[in-house]
Protein backbone atom coordinates (compact mmCIF):
# COMPACT_ATOMS: atom_id res chain seq x y z
CA MET A 1 -0.03 -0.06 -0.06
CA SER A 2 2.77 2.19 0.37
CA ARG A 3 2.92 3.03 -3.47
CA PHE A 4 -0.11 5.59 -2.39
CA TRP A 5 2.47 7.41 -0.22
CA ASN A 6 3.62 10.86 -0.93
CA PRO A 7 7.54 10.92 -1.49
CA LEU A 8 7.95 12.48 1.71
CA VAL A 9 6.46 9.87 3.72
CA HIS A 10 9.24 7.18 2.76
CA THR A 11 11.95 9.68 4.13
CA LEU A 12 10.16 10.16 7.47
CA LYS A 13 11.83 8.71 10.69
CA PRO A 14 8.85 9.35 13.10
CA TYR A 15 9.40 9.93 17.02
CA VAL A 16 9.25 6.87 18.86
CA ALA A 17 7.01 7.72 22.32
CA GLY A 18 7.67 6.20 25.47
CA GLU A 19 6.15 2.75 25.98
CA GLN A 20 2.69 2.32 27.58
CA PRO A 21 2.92 -1.24 28.69
CA VAL A 22 0.32 -2.90 30.24
CA LEU A 23 1.84 -5.12 33.00
CA ALA A 24 0.96 -6.61 36.25
CA ASP A 25 2.19 -4.44 39.11
CA LEU A 26 3.95 -2.09 36.86
CA VAL A 27 6.23 0.63 38.33
CA LYS A 28 6.09 2.96 35.26
CA LEU A 29 9.00 5.47 35.23
CA ASN A 30 9.66 5.90 31.38
CA THR A 31 7.45 8.87 30.32
CA ASN A 32 8.01 11.60 33.12
CA GLU A 33 4.45 11.71 33.91
CA ASN A 34 3.68 12.87 37.25
CA PRO A 35 3.11 10.74 39.97
CA TYR A 36 0.56 12.93 41.46
CA GLY A 37 -2.91 13.64 40.07
CA PRO A 38 -4.03 16.47 38.39
CA SER A 39 -5.46 19.48 40.87
CA PRO A 40 -8.98 18.55 42.43
CA ARG A 41 -10.22 21.84 41.09
CA ALA A 42 -9.38 20.65 37.45
CA LEU A 43 -11.17 17.38 38.05
CA ALA A 44 -14.15 19.19 39.36
CA ALA A 45 -14.00 21.57 36.23
CA ILE A 46 -13.97 18.80 33.93
CA ALA A 47 -17.23 17.34 35.74
CA GLU A 48 -18.97 20.56 35.31
CA GLN A 49 -18.39 20.59 31.49
CA LEU A 50 -20.06 17.18 31.05
CA GLY A 51 -23.47 18.02 29.76
CA ASP A 52 -25.45 19.61 26.70
CA GLY A 53 -22.61 22.06 26.15
CA LEU A 54 -20.22 19.14 24.52
CA ARG A 55 -22.63 19.44 21.39
CA LEU A 56 -21.29 23.21 20.81
CA TYR A 57 -17.55 24.08 19.59
CA PRO A 58 -15.16 25.40 21.83
CA ASP A 59 -13.77 28.82 22.40
CA PRO A 60 -11.38 28.74 18.88
CA HIS A 61 -9.23 31.46 20.89
CA CYS A 62 -8.99 29.78 24.33
CA THR A 63 -9.85 33.13 25.86
CA ALA A 64 -10.40 32.32 29.51
CA LEU A 65 -7.33 29.96 29.66
CA CYS A 66 -4.87 32.72 27.80
CA ASP A 67 -6.25 35.11 30.23
CA ALA A 68 -5.15 32.75 33.32
CA ILE A 69 -2.01 31.77 31.65
CA ALA A 70 -1.04 35.94 31.29
CA ALA A 71 -2.54 36.61 34.95
CA ARG A 72 -0.22 33.71 36.17
CA HIS A 73 3.02 35.13 34.76
CA GLY A 74 2.22 38.91 34.44
CA ILE A 75 2.05 39.10 30.71
CA GLY A 76 -0.58 40.19 28.38
CA ALA A 77 -3.22 37.71 26.97
CA ASP A 78 -2.26 38.65 23.50
CA GLN A 79 1.44 37.15 24.33
CA VAL A 80 0.14 33.87 24.83
CA PHE A 81 -0.44 31.07 22.07
CA VAL A 82 -2.59 27.75 23.25
CA GLY A 83 -2.06 24.32 21.53
CA ASN A 84 -3.04 20.79 21.60
CA GLY A 85 0.00 19.70 23.82
CA SER A 86 3.32 21.40 23.51
CA ASP A 87 4.30 19.23 20.73
CA GLU A 88 1.57 20.63 18.68
CA VAL A 89 2.85 24.16 19.59
CA LEU A 90 6.05 23.05 18.65
CA ALA A 91 5.03 21.69 15.37
CA HIS A 92 3.39 25.11 14.59
CA ILE A 93 6.97 26.78 15.73
CA PHE A 94 8.87 24.74 13.27
CA LEU A 95 6.71 25.25 10.35
CA GLY A 96 6.04 28.88 10.72
CA LEU A 97 9.14 30.49 12.52
CA LEU A 98 12.13 27.87 12.33
CA LYS A 99 12.53 27.22 8.70
CA HIS A 100 14.75 29.46 6.96
CA ASP A 101 17.73 29.52 4.53
CA ARG A 102 20.60 28.84 7.02
CA PRO A 103 20.25 25.74 9.59
CA LEU A 104 18.37 25.42 12.81
CA LEU A 105 20.83 24.66 15.83
CA PHE A 106 19.84 22.44 18.72
CA PRO A 107 21.87 20.04 20.90
CA ASP A 108 22.79 16.52 19.45
CA ILE A 109 21.60 15.05 22.78
CA THR A 110 17.92 16.78 23.43
CA TYR A 111 14.23 16.09 22.59
CA SER A 112 14.10 13.70 19.81
CA PHE A 113 10.79 15.19 18.19
CA TYR A 114 13.03 18.03 16.72
CA PRO A 115 14.91 16.04 14.04
CA VAL A 116 11.48 14.66 13.23
CA TYR A 117 9.82 18.03 12.80
CA CYS A 118 12.77 19.03 10.71
CA GLY A 119 12.32 16.13 8.32
CA LEU A 120 8.74 16.70 8.16
CA TYR A 121 8.69 20.20 7.18
CA GLY A 122 11.94 19.95 5.24
CA ILE A 123 14.24 22.14 7.78
CA ASP A 124 17.96 22.21 7.64
CA TYR A 125 19.39 21.61 10.83
CA ARG A 126 23.04 21.30 12.50
CA GLU A 127 23.32 19.46 15.84
CA VAL A 128 25.58 21.25 18.55
CA PRO A 129 27.39 18.93 20.60
CA LEU A 130 26.88 19.20 24.24
CA ASP A 131 30.02 19.71 26.53
CA ALA A 132 31.89 16.80 28.12
CA ALA A 133 29.66 17.10 31.19
CA MET A 134 26.51 16.92 29.11
CA GLY A 135 25.89 20.55 29.37
CA ILE A 136 25.09 23.13 26.63
CA ASP A 137 27.57 26.00 26.37
CA ILE A 138 25.94 28.91 24.67
CA ALA A 139 29.43 30.03 23.04
CA ASP A 140 29.11 26.98 20.79
CA TYR A 141 25.72 28.62 19.29
CA ARG A 142 27.90 31.75 18.17
CA GLN A 143 28.00 30.35 14.54
CA PRO A 144 25.78 31.11 11.44
CA CYS A 145 22.23 30.01 11.85
CA ASP A 146 18.60 30.92 11.12
CA ALA A 147 16.98 29.93 14.45
CA ILE A 148 17.99 28.05 17.63
CA ILE A 149 15.70 25.61 19.72
CA LEU A 150 17.00 24.57 23.25
CA ALA A 151 14.95 22.64 25.78
CA ASN A 152 15.82 23.98 29.11
CA PRO A 153 16.01 21.92 31.14
CA ASN A 154 17.54 19.69 28.43
CA ALA A 155 15.83 16.27 27.84
CA PRO A 156 17.17 13.72 28.62
CA THR A 157 19.85 15.07 30.50
CA GLY A 158 17.77 17.11 32.93
CA ARG A 159 20.74 19.99 32.98
CA ALA A 160 19.08 23.32 33.20
CA LEU A 161 20.89 26.67 31.79
CA PRO A 162 20.52 29.82 34.08
CA LEU A 163 18.41 32.96 32.97
CA ASP A 164 21.50 34.92 32.25
CA ALA A 165 22.88 32.17 29.78
CA ILE A 166 19.30 32.54 27.91
CA ALA A 167 19.33 36.38 27.91
CA THR A 168 22.81 36.06 26.53
CA LEU A 169 21.98 33.69 23.82
CA ALA A 170 18.90 35.88 22.70
CA GLY A 171 21.23 38.96 22.95
CA ASP A 172 23.75 37.35 20.82
CA HIS A 173 21.21 36.44 18.07
CA PRO A 174 19.00 39.60 17.89
CA ASP A 175 17.72 38.51 14.28
CA GLN A 176 16.98 34.83 14.83
CA VAL A 177 14.43 33.36 16.34
CA VAL A 178 15.35 31.88 19.96
CA VAL A 179 12.89 29.06 21.46
CA ILE A 180 13.23 27.85 24.70
CA ASP A 181 11.32 24.65 25.65
CA GLU A 182 10.47 24.53 28.96
CA ALA A 183 8.37 21.34 29.55
CA TYR A 184 10.18 20.73 32.65
CA ILE A 185 11.08 23.90 33.97
CA ASP A 186 9.21 23.84 37.27
CA PHE A 187 11.16 21.21 38.72
CA GLY A 188 14.06 23.36 39.20
CA GLY A 189 14.58 25.92 36.48
CA ALA A 190 14.20 29.32 36.27
CA SER A 191 11.29 30.31 33.37
CA ALA A 192 12.28 32.89 30.58
CA ILE A 193 9.09 33.96 30.17
CA GLY A 194 10.07 37.15 32.13
CA LEU A 195 12.78 37.65 29.64
CA VAL A 196 10.02 38.00 26.49
CA ALA A 197 9.37 41.48 27.08
CA GLN A 198 13.29 42.39 26.43
CA PHE A 199 13.64 40.01 23.54
CA PRO A 200 11.36 40.39 20.62
CA ASN A 201 13.07 37.01 19.21
CA LEU A 202 12.33 34.89 22.10
CA LEU A 203 9.88 32.46 22.43
CA VAL A 204 8.98 30.04 25.43
CA VAL A 205 7.12 27.03 25.20
CA GLN A 206 5.38 25.26 28.31
CA THR A 207 2.86 22.23 28.80
CA PHE A 208 0.55 21.38 31.39
CA SER A 209 1.52 17.65 30.85
CA LYS A 210 4.22 17.53 33.86
CA SER A 211 4.10 19.79 36.74
CA ARG A 212 0.13 20.13 36.20
CA SER A 213 -0.35 16.56 35.85
CA LEU A 214 -2.61 16.97 32.95
CA ALA A 215 -0.90 14.68 30.21
CA GLY A 216 -4.10 13.28 29.15
CA MET A 217 -5.72 16.53 28.50
CA ARG A 218 -2.96 17.65 25.90
CA VAL A 219 -2.42 21.34 26.62
CA GLY A 220 0.57 23.31 25.95
CA PHE A 221 1.36 27.06 25.14
CA ALA A 222 3.98 29.47 23.99
CA VAL A 223 4.51 32.98 25.06
CA GLY A 224 6.37 35.50 23.04
CA GLN A 225 5.76 39.29 21.73
CA ARG A 226 3.03 39.71 19.42
CA PRO A 227 4.61 39.18 15.99
CA LEU A 228 5.82 35.62 17.02
CA ILE A 229 2.35 34.72 18.64
CA ASP A 230 0.65 36.42 15.25
CA ALA A 231 2.77 33.79 13.03
CA LEU A 232 1.27 30.57 15.24
CA GLU A 233 -2.40 31.87 15.15
CA ARG A 234 -2.10 32.02 11.25
CA ILE A 235 -0.65 28.47 11.25
CA LYS A 236 -3.22 27.07 13.68
CA ASP A 237 -6.09 28.99 11.89
CA SER A 238 -4.83 27.18 8.51
CA PHE A 239 -4.75 24.02 10.24
CA ASN A 240 -7.19 23.38 12.96
CA SER A 241 -9.23 26.32 14.36
CA TYR A 242 -10.24 24.36 17.49
CA PRO A 243 -7.12 22.58 18.83
CA LEU A 244 -8.50 22.42 22.32
CA ASP A 245 -11.64 20.81 23.46
CA ARG A 246 -13.99 22.40 26.17
CA LEU A 247 -12.66 19.95 28.55
CA ALA A 248 -8.95 20.59 28.10
CA GLN A 249 -9.64 24.37 28.15
CA THR A 250 -11.41 24.40 31.29
CA ALA A 251 -9.08 21.73 33.31
CA ALA A 252 -6.05 23.92 32.45
CA LYS A 253 -7.35 26.99 33.36
CA ALA A 254 -8.35 25.38 36.82
CA ALA A 255 -5.13 23.63 37.33
CA ILE A 256 -3.01 26.92 36.75
CA GLU A 257 -5.28 28.71 39.26
CA ASP A 258 -4.66 26.16 41.94
CA GLU A 259 -1.19 27.30 42.90
CA ALA A 260 -1.50 25.36 46.13
CA TRP A 261 -1.79 22.07 44.41
CA PHE A 262 0.75 22.94 42.03
CA ASP A 263 3.49 23.85 44.61
CA GLU A 264 2.72 20.78 46.80
CA THR A 265 2.94 18.19 44.22
CA ARG A 266 6.01 19.72 42.34
CA HIS A 267 7.94 20.03 45.50
CA ARG A 268 7.03 16.37 46.58
CA VAL A 269 8.72 15.61 43.25
CA ILE A 270 11.80 17.43 43.92
CA ALA A 271 12.18 15.95 47.31
CA SER A 272 11.88 12.42 45.74
CA ARG A 273 14.34 13.19 43.27
CA ASP A 274 16.78 14.16 45.83
CA ARG A 275 16.18 11.19 47.53
CA LEU A 276 16.56 9.00 44.48
CA ASN A 277 19.80 10.38 43.59
CA ALA A 278 21.37 9.47 46.84
CA ALA A 279 20.32 6.06 46.82
CA LEU A 280 21.37 5.64 43.07
CA ILE A 281 24.92 7.26 43.86
CA LYS A 282 25.17 4.89 46.67
CA LEU A 283 24.76 2.11 44.28
CA GLY A 284 27.63 3.06 42.15
CA PHE A 285 25.59 5.42 39.72
CA GLU A 286 26.86 8.44 38.01
CA VAL A 287 24.18 10.73 37.90
CA LEU A 288 23.81 14.14 36.05
CA PRO A 289 22.51 17.20 38.15
CA SER A 290 18.44 17.39 37.21
CA ALA A 291 16.16 20.45 37.18
CA ALA A 292 13.48 18.15 35.79
CA ASN A 293 11.19 15.50 36.77
CA PHE A 294 13.72 12.66 35.94
CA VAL A 295 17.24 11.67 36.42
CA PHE A 296 19.78 10.43 33.81
CA ALA A 297 21.99 8.02 35.24
CA ARG A 298 24.76 5.35 34.35
CA HIS A 299 26.67 2.79 36.02
CA PRO A 300 30.34 2.70 35.09
CA ALA A 301 30.46 -1.38 35.42
CA HIS A 302 27.06 -2.04 33.64
CA ASP A 303 25.44 -1.80 30.07
CA GLY A 304 22.49 0.39 30.05
CA ALA A 305 20.36 -1.74 27.87
CA ASP A 306 21.17 -4.56 30.00
CA LEU A 307 20.20 -2.65 33.17
CA ALA A 308 16.64 -1.46 31.44
CA ALA A 309 15.95 -4.99 30.60
CA GLY A 310 16.77 -6.39 33.75
CA LEU A 311 14.32 -4.01 35.48
CA ARG A 312 11.52 -4.77 33.00
CA ARG A 313 11.81 -8.39 33.88
CA GLN A 314 10.97 -6.91 37.53
CA SER A 315 8.02 -4.86 36.13
CA VAL A 316 10.04 -1.93 36.67
CA ILE A 317 9.89 0.08 33.21
CA VAL A 318 12.54 3.13 32.75
CA ARG A 319 13.82 4.71 29.50
CA HIS A 320 16.89 3.63 27.52
CA PHE A 321 18.15 5.72 24.49
CA PRO A 322 20.39 3.48 21.86
CA LYS A 323 22.25 7.09 20.68
CA PRO A 324 25.80 5.75 20.93
CA ARG A 325 26.69 8.94 23.12
CA ILE A 326 24.25 7.90 25.89
CA LYS A 327 23.50 4.18 25.37
CA ASP A 328 24.93 3.49 28.82
CA TYR A 329 22.40 5.87 30.39
CA LEU A 330 19.03 5.61 31.90
CA ARG A 331 16.32 8.21 32.21
CA ILE A 332 14.41 7.56 35.29
CA THR A 333 11.23 9.49 35.86
CA ILE A 334 10.65 10.43 39.58
CA GLY A 335 7.71 8.44 40.83
CA THR A 336 6.29 8.28 44.56
CA ASP A 337 8.80 7.50 47.12
CA ALA A 338 7.32 3.86 47.16
CA GLN A 339 7.87 3.66 43.31
CA CYS A 340 11.58 5.10 43.72
CA ASP A 341 12.18 2.40 46.44
CA ARG A 342 10.86 -0.34 44.05
CA LEU A 343 13.33 0.52 41.48
CA ILE A 344 16.21 0.58 44.00
CA LYS A 345 15.31 -2.83 45.15
CA ALA A 346 15.08 -4.08 41.59
CA LEU A 347 18.40 -2.74 40.78
CA ARG A 348 19.91 -4.63 43.88
CA GLY A 349 18.02 -7.52 42.99
CA GLY A 350 17.69 -9.16 39.61
CA ALA A 351 18.73 -5.95 37.27
CA GLY A 352 22.25 -7.14 37.29
CA LEU A 353 23.91 -4.68 40.04
C-alpha cells in the first residue's frame, strides 16, 4: 500500500514515544508523567463541563485559558498561544518560525522530536554537541544560523541553563528566533518568560503535562511578543481552528489557578528526586544534576540496555536510548517514594547490580 504514499512519507523517521505497557504490578518510570494526580479543582471543572454544552464547538481562541496563563505570568493575553499539547505548539513553531535559508541549531542530545519536525517540514538543521559534562555551552551557538531551539532543562539529561545564559543567547542572535522549550522548568529551573519583554526574538514554550499533571488532556502554550504569536495563530487557523476541546480548556484554567496544589506536588517530586539521587549514587551510579522530574544516570560497570531489560523483568520500566553517546544512560522518571524504592530494590535484586 506504500505506493500511495507521498514521496515525503518514505523519508520520515517518526518520533518514538515512550512505551505505555500493560503489565501486572507495573512501576512506570519511563515517560515523565507526574506521579500525583491533577488538581482537584481541575477534576471538578471537567465534571462541570459534562453536559449538553459538549454539542457546541469550544472557544477557538481559548480566551479564558489565555487570560489565566497571562495572569499567572504577568503578561498580556495577546502574548499567549495555546495548542493541543506542547508538541503541537512546537510543530507550528517549526513550520512557521524555524524554516529559513541557514540551519536551525539544537543540541546533539536533546528532545528527539526536533529532528523529526525538521524532516517533516524540510528544515535544514545542525546538531551542536553537548560539552563533556553533558551541558549546553551557549558559546557553541555563536555560528551562522537562522534559528535556535533549546530544551531547558534539557531532555533527556535534565541539566538546566541559568537565566543569564538564556538572555545572552537571545542577545547574541537578535535577528534569529530563539525558542526555549520549558517542559520541565517547574521542577528546578528558572523560566525565561520574564525575558520575553526584553527580547522580541524569544519564544518560550511550556506544557500542562508535567508539573500540572494533565498529560491526558494535551495542553501546551507559547509566550512571546505579538509578531511571533501572530505567526503561530496564522498556522493554527490554517490547520485546525479548534485545537483544544472544552474539557481541556476548562481543566487547564483550573489547574493553573490552583497554585497550592501545583506547589505541593512539584515540591514532593523534587524531594523524591533528591532522595533517589542519593540512593543511586550509593549503588555506584553517576547521576547528572537534574532540574527536571527525571534523572539521567549510568553505572560505569554495566550496560544501559542490560540494566533496562533487567528492570523490565521485574516490572519496573525506565527509558533507554540507543544513541551511541548516551547508550549506557537510563532516564528515570521520578515516581512516588514507594515507586522509587521499588526501582532501587529491583536494581539491587535482579537487574544486574
